[in-house]
């Protein structure tokens, strides 16, 4: 029996459910999920294995027009994902307009990479709306399979998986069969904290914050983590901390609970806040935080 392996890179605009789809396909929460745009900043791999296949999914930041260097770096991840894919899984949703302000649908067609289109959130639509939306995407991506799914409800994910496997090139596995992702534990600790910042703070705060794991000590019975939240202004530091530190304490408690569930171990978490002015536009800071 021949073995199939390939990189399936997930592209699409912000807030269409790319991370939810990857987590559902992988069976683990690797990408953080919130209702806010630009939740995903990095390229995150999730690996799925069968007896005769290996799929290396890549969740990517939502496609956008960059306004500062952080967003330029985020789009670098998207551009690389477009260039090194064996299959592109383009995710849209039932409410998204088909107008392409960034020109990426043209880039995807010109790439020549095998393409599958997933229309997500169909639990929010009628059959008539879905048929109309599918017709529009068939005109944009002629010949590509158009698969309606609901990542939240788990609807049609089995059909999506079969479509992906059928397009995988033959080849040996790229990673050991028991490997789940390419990221380290520190990365997931920082992402869990960043998810709580996205959920607990409003306006510009989540987009001005970056999480740095200063220390990660995995002891026999407990993981000890020291995390630093970087913001760009002193006023933001005060908002993150909150009155008598209550807001920071709430965020830390929620993050610790999720970390204990993710790592399967007790966690002692210390969190501090630091002003790092204009970090989003400083190449040296971006590189330190893992951006290109």
Protein backbone atom coordinates (compact mmCIF):
# COMPACT_ATOMS: atom_id res chain seq x y z
CA UNK A 1 0.00 0.00 0.00
CA UNK A 2 1.43 3.39 -0.99
CA UNK A 3 1.83 6.13 1.62
CA UNK A 4 0.72 9.73 1.09
CA UNK A 5 2.19 12.80 2.80
CA UNK A 6 1.86 16.51 2.27
CA UNK A 7 1.64 20.02 3.62
CA UNK A 8 -1.92 21.34 3.70
CA UNK A 9 -1.76 25.08 4.30
CA UNK A 10 -4.90 26.81 5.51
CA UNK A 11 -5.44 30.29 4.05
CA UNK A 12 -8.29 32.76 4.29
CA UNK A 13 -9.39 36.11 5.59
CA UNK A 14 -9.64 36.95 9.31
CA UNK A 15 -12.47 35.46 11.39
CA UNK A 16 -13.64 32.78 8.95
CA UNK A 17 -12.73 29.90 11.31
CA UNK A 18 -9.34 28.70 10.03
CA UNK A 19 -8.06 27.91 13.53
CA UNK A 20 -11.31 26.19 14.53
CA UNK A 21 -11.12 24.00 11.42
CA UNK A 22 -7.49 23.03 12.03
CA UNK A 23 -8.11 22.23 15.70
CA UNK A 24 -11.11 20.09 14.71
CA UNK A 25 -9.15 18.25 12.00
CA UNK A 26 -6.14 17.68 14.27
CA UNK A 27 -8.26 16.78 17.29
CA UNK A 28 -6.32 19.09 19.62
CA UNK A 29 -6.50 22.79 20.46
CA UNK A 30 -3.24 24.01 18.97
CA UNK A 31 -4.42 27.39 17.69
CA UNK A 32 -6.07 29.91 20.00
CA UNK A 33 -9.58 30.97 19.05
CA UNK A 34 -11.46 34.19 19.75
CA UNK A 35 -14.03 36.25 17.89
CA UNK A 36 -11.47 39.01 17.32
CA UNK A 37 -9.68 39.46 14.00
CA UNK A 38 -5.92 38.81 13.87
CA UNK A 39 -6.07 36.24 16.68
CA UNK A 40 -3.52 34.05 14.88
CA UNK A 41 -0.13 35.77 14.49
CA UNK A 42 2.16 32.83 13.74
CA UNK A 43 2.15 29.85 11.42
CA UNK A 44 1.21 26.83 13.52
CA UNK A 45 1.53 23.23 12.34
CA UNK A 46 -0.72 20.37 13.37
CA UNK A 47 0.08 16.83 12.24
CA UNK A 48 -2.52 14.14 11.55
CA UNK A 49 -1.51 10.54 10.89
CA UNK A 50 -3.29 7.56 9.41
CA UNK A 51 -1.89 4.14 8.57
CA UNK A 52 -1.22 5.20 4.99
CA UNK A 53 -1.07 9.01 5.18
CA UNK A 54 0.35 12.00 7.05
CA UNK A 55 -1.19 15.47 6.78
CA UNK A 56 0.85 18.43 8.00
CA UNK A 57 -1.66 21.24 8.45
CA UNK A 58 -0.52 24.86 8.79
CA UNK A 59 -2.80 27.44 10.34
CA UNK A 60 -1.86 30.93 9.17
CA UNK A 61 -2.75 34.53 10.07
CA UNK A 62 -5.76 36.00 8.30
CA UNK A 63 -5.01 37.73 5.00
CA UNK A 64 -4.90 41.52 5.39
CA UNK A 65 -3.29 44.73 4.17
CA UNK A 66 -0.44 45.41 6.63
CA UNK A 67 -0.47 48.67 8.60
CA UNK A 68 2.68 48.08 10.68
CA UNK A 69 5.69 45.75 10.71
CA UNK A 70 4.05 43.09 12.91
CA UNK A 71 1.31 42.70 10.30
CA UNK A 72 3.96 42.62 7.56
CA UNK A 73 5.59 39.75 9.41
CA UNK A 74 2.24 37.99 9.77
CA UNK A 75 1.75 38.27 6.00
CA UNK A 76 5.22 36.81 5.48
CA UNK A 77 3.92 33.61 7.12
CA UNK A 78 0.98 33.67 4.67
CA UNK A 79 3.25 34.18 1.65
CA UNK A 80 5.52 31.31 2.67
CA UNK A 81 2.48 29.09 3.23
CA UNK A 82 1.28 29.94 -0.27
CA UNK A 83 4.65 28.98 -1.77
CA UNK A 84 5.38 25.69 0.05
CA UNK A 85 1.95 24.03 0.07
CA UNK A 86 1.15 20.66 -1.47
CA UNK A 87 -2.53 21.53 -1.02
CA UNK A 88 -4.17 24.85 -0.18
CA UNK A 89 -7.25 24.67 1.99
CA UNK A 90 -8.95 28.02 1.44
CA UNK A 91 -11.45 28.77 4.18
CA UNK A 92 -14.30 31.21 3.78
CA UNK A 93 -17.60 31.39 5.63
CA UNK A 94 -21.25 31.78 4.81
CA UNK A 95 -21.34 35.48 5.77
CA UNK A 96 -18.14 36.60 4.03
CA UNK A 97 -18.31 38.76 0.93
CA UNK A 98 -16.52 37.30 -2.09
CA UNK A 99 -14.91 40.63 -3.04
CA UNK A 100 -11.12 40.23 -2.76
CA UNK A 101 -9.48 43.45 -1.54
CA UNK A 102 -6.03 41.90 -1.14
CA UNK A 103 -5.76 40.06 -4.46
CA UNK A 104 -4.95 36.75 -2.78
CA UNK A 105 -7.54 34.71 -4.64
CA UNK A 106 -5.66 35.61 -7.84
CA UNK A 107 -2.33 34.65 -6.23
CA UNK A 108 -3.79 31.31 -5.15
CA UNK A 109 -5.07 30.55 -8.66
CA UNK A 110 -1.74 31.57 -10.21
CA UNK A 111 0.21 29.35 -7.79
CA UNK A 112 -1.07 26.21 -9.49
CA UNK A 113 -1.25 24.42 -6.12
CA UNK A 114 -4.15 21.93 -5.75
CA UNK A 115 -6.98 23.73 -3.97
CA UNK A 116 -9.94 22.84 -1.78
CA UNK A 117 -12.45 25.48 -0.67
CA UNK A 118 -14.26 25.05 2.64
CA UNK A 119 -17.32 27.22 3.28
CA UNK A 120 -17.49 27.34 7.08
CA UNK A 121 -20.29 28.24 9.53
CA UNK A 122 -23.04 26.74 7.38
CA UNK A 123 -25.02 26.14 10.58
CA UNK A 124 -25.81 29.88 10.33
CA UNK A 125 -27.27 29.66 6.83
CA UNK A 126 -30.16 28.34 4.80
CA UNK A 127 -29.79 25.86 1.95
CA UNK A 128 -30.58 28.59 -0.57
CA UNK A 129 -27.90 30.92 0.85
CA UNK A 130 -25.37 28.09 0.80
CA UNK A 131 -26.10 27.21 -2.83
CA UNK A 132 -25.71 30.85 -3.87
CA UNK A 133 -22.44 31.17 -1.97
CA UNK A 134 -21.09 27.93 -3.47
CA UNK A 135 -21.90 29.16 -7.00
CA UNK A 136 -19.96 32.38 -6.37
CA UNK A 137 -16.87 30.49 -5.16
CA UNK A 138 -17.06 28.07 -8.08
CA UNK A 139 -16.71 31.09 -10.39
CA UNK A 140 -13.72 32.40 -8.41
CA UNK A 141 -11.97 29.00 -8.18
CA UNK A 142 -13.17 26.97 -11.19
CA UNK A 143 -12.69 23.23 -10.79
CA UNK A 144 -11.84 23.32 -7.07
CA UNK A 145 -13.96 21.16 -4.75
CA UNK A 146 -16.33 23.38 -2.71
CA UNK A 147 -17.13 21.70 0.60
CA UNK A 148 -19.65 23.19 3.05
CA UNK A 149 -18.65 22.59 6.69
CA UNK A 150 -19.38 23.64 10.23
CA UNK A 151 -16.17 23.34 12.25
CA UNK A 152 -18.08 24.20 15.43
CA UNK A 153 -20.65 21.44 14.87
CA UNK A 154 -18.22 18.99 13.25
CA UNK A 155 -20.38 18.80 10.13
CA UNK A 156 -18.80 17.44 6.92
CA UNK A 157 -15.28 17.38 8.39
CA UNK A 158 -15.05 13.70 7.42
CA UNK A 159 -15.82 14.63 3.81
CA UNK A 160 -13.24 17.42 3.97
CA UNK A 161 -10.64 14.97 5.31
CA UNK A 162 -11.34 12.49 2.50
CA UNK A 163 -10.97 15.24 -0.09
CA UNK A 164 -7.62 16.28 1.40
CA UNK A 165 -6.25 12.73 1.57
CA UNK A 166 -7.26 12.10 -2.06
CA UNK A 167 -5.10 15.04 -3.19
CA UNK A 168 -2.01 14.22 -1.10
CA UNK A 169 1.09 13.29 -3.11
CA UNK A 170 2.67 9.91 -2.53
CA UNK A 171 5.61 9.97 -0.16
CA UNK A 172 7.06 9.00 3.21
CA UNK A 173 6.05 10.81 6.42
CA UNK A 174 7.81 14.13 7.07
CA UNK A 175 7.58 13.76 10.86
CA UNK A 176 7.52 10.87 13.34
CA UNK A 177 4.06 9.33 13.47
CA UNK A 178 3.58 10.28 17.13
CA UNK A 179 4.45 13.96 16.66
CA UNK A 180 1.55 16.41 16.94
CA UNK A 181 3.09 19.80 16.14
CA UNK A 182 6.32 21.65 15.35
CA UNK A 183 5.97 24.09 18.26
CA UNK A 184 7.53 23.91 21.74
CA UNK A 185 5.78 24.07 25.10
CA UNK A 186 6.88 27.67 25.68
CA UNK A 187 5.02 28.72 22.54
CA UNK A 188 1.75 27.19 23.70
CA UNK A 189 2.12 28.75 27.14
CA UNK A 190 2.50 32.20 25.56
CA UNK A 191 -0.44 31.60 23.19
CA UNK A 192 -2.74 30.55 26.04
CA UNK A 193 -1.94 33.79 27.86
CA UNK A 194 -2.45 35.81 24.68
CA UNK A 195 -5.85 34.18 24.16
CA UNK A 196 -6.92 35.33 27.64
CA UNK A 197 -5.74 38.86 26.83
CA UNK A 198 -7.85 38.80 23.67
CA UNK A 199 -10.87 37.64 25.67
CA UNK A 200 -10.49 39.90 28.71
CA UNK A 201 -9.49 43.24 27.19
CA UNK A 202 -11.07 45.47 24.58
CA UNK A 203 -10.14 47.94 21.83
CA UNK A 204 -6.42 48.23 21.04
CA UNK A 205 -5.08 46.38 24.10
CA UNK A 206 -4.94 42.82 22.59
CA UNK A 207 -3.30 44.13 19.41
CA UNK A 208 -0.68 46.07 21.38
CA UNK A 209 0.26 43.14 23.63
CA UNK A 210 2.83 40.38 23.14
CA UNK A 211 3.67 37.60 25.57
CA UNK A 212 7.23 36.51 26.32
CA UNK A 213 7.95 33.39 28.39
CA UNK A 214 11.01 34.37 30.43
CA UNK A 215 11.35 30.99 32.12
CA UNK A 216 9.72 27.57 31.77
CA UNK A 217 10.82 24.96 34.32
CA UNK A 218 9.23 21.55 34.01
CA UNK A 219 9.72 19.89 37.40
CA UNK A 220 8.55 16.44 38.51
CA UNK A 221 5.15 17.53 39.86
CA UNK A 222 4.73 21.09 38.61
CA UNK A 223 5.62 23.44 35.75
CA UNK A 224 6.87 26.86 36.85
CA UNK A 225 6.37 29.62 34.30
CA UNK A 226 7.34 33.27 34.42
CA UNK A 227 5.66 35.35 31.71
CA UNK A 228 6.08 38.95 30.64
CA UNK A 229 3.33 40.87 28.83
CA UNK A 230 4.74 43.61 26.62
CA UNK A 231 2.57 46.63 25.77
CA UNK A 232 3.43 49.80 23.86
CA UNK A 233 2.20 52.49 26.29
CA UNK A 234 2.16 53.13 30.03
CA UNK A 235 -1.63 53.58 30.02
CA UNK A 236 -1.99 50.09 28.53
CA UNK A 237 0.11 48.66 31.35
CA UNK A 238 -2.36 50.09 33.85
CA UNK A 239 -5.32 48.64 31.96
CA UNK A 240 -3.71 45.18 31.80
CA UNK A 241 -3.02 45.21 35.57
CA UNK A 242 -6.38 46.71 36.54
CA UNK A 243 -7.55 48.05 39.89
CA UNK A 244 -5.41 46.53 42.65
CA UNK A 245 -4.10 44.00 40.12
CA UNK A 246 -7.47 42.25 39.82
CA UNK A 247 -7.57 42.20 36.01
CA UNK A 248 -4.09 40.69 35.70
CA UNK A 249 -4.91 38.16 38.41
CA UNK A 250 -8.08 37.08 36.57
CA UNK A 251 -6.18 36.69 33.29
CA UNK A 252 -3.40 34.71 35.00
CA UNK A 253 -5.87 32.40 36.75
CA UNK A 254 -7.74 31.61 33.53
CA UNK A 255 -4.45 31.02 31.68
CA UNK A 256 -3.12 28.74 34.44
CA UNK A 257 -6.28 26.59 34.38
CA UNK A 258 -6.01 26.14 30.60
CA UNK A 259 -2.28 25.40 30.85
CA UNK A 260 -2.89 22.67 33.41
CA UNK A 261 -5.44 21.11 31.07
CA UNK A 262 -3.09 21.44 28.05
CA UNK A 263 0.07 20.16 29.76
CA UNK A 264 -1.69 17.65 32.05
CA UNK A 265 0.21 18.93 35.06
CA UNK A 266 0.01 21.52 37.85
CA UNK A 267 1.25 24.97 36.80
CA UNK A 268 2.63 27.82 38.89
CA UNK A 269 2.32 30.97 36.77
CA UNK A 270 3.84 34.38 37.45
CA UNK A 271 2.85 37.22 35.12
CA UNK A 272 4.28 40.73 34.86
CA UNK A 273 3.67 43.67 32.53
CA UNK A 274 6.34 45.78 30.80
CA UNK A 275 6.17 48.78 28.48
CA UNK A 276 8.19 48.11 25.30
CA UNK A 277 7.49 51.15 23.16
CA UNK A 278 6.59 50.55 19.52
CA UNK A 279 7.59 46.86 19.65
CA UNK A 280 5.25 46.16 16.71
CA UNK A 281 7.44 48.29 14.42
CA UNK A 282 10.90 47.29 15.69
CA UNK A 283 12.52 44.45 13.69
CA UNK A 284 14.80 43.44 16.59
CA UNK A 285 11.85 43.06 18.97
CA UNK A 286 9.76 41.21 16.38
CA UNK A 287 12.60 38.77 15.77
CA UNK A 288 12.93 38.19 19.52
CA UNK A 289 9.23 37.35 19.67
CA UNK A 290 9.56 34.79 16.86
CA UNK A 291 8.41 36.86 13.87
CA UNK A 292 10.31 37.11 10.61
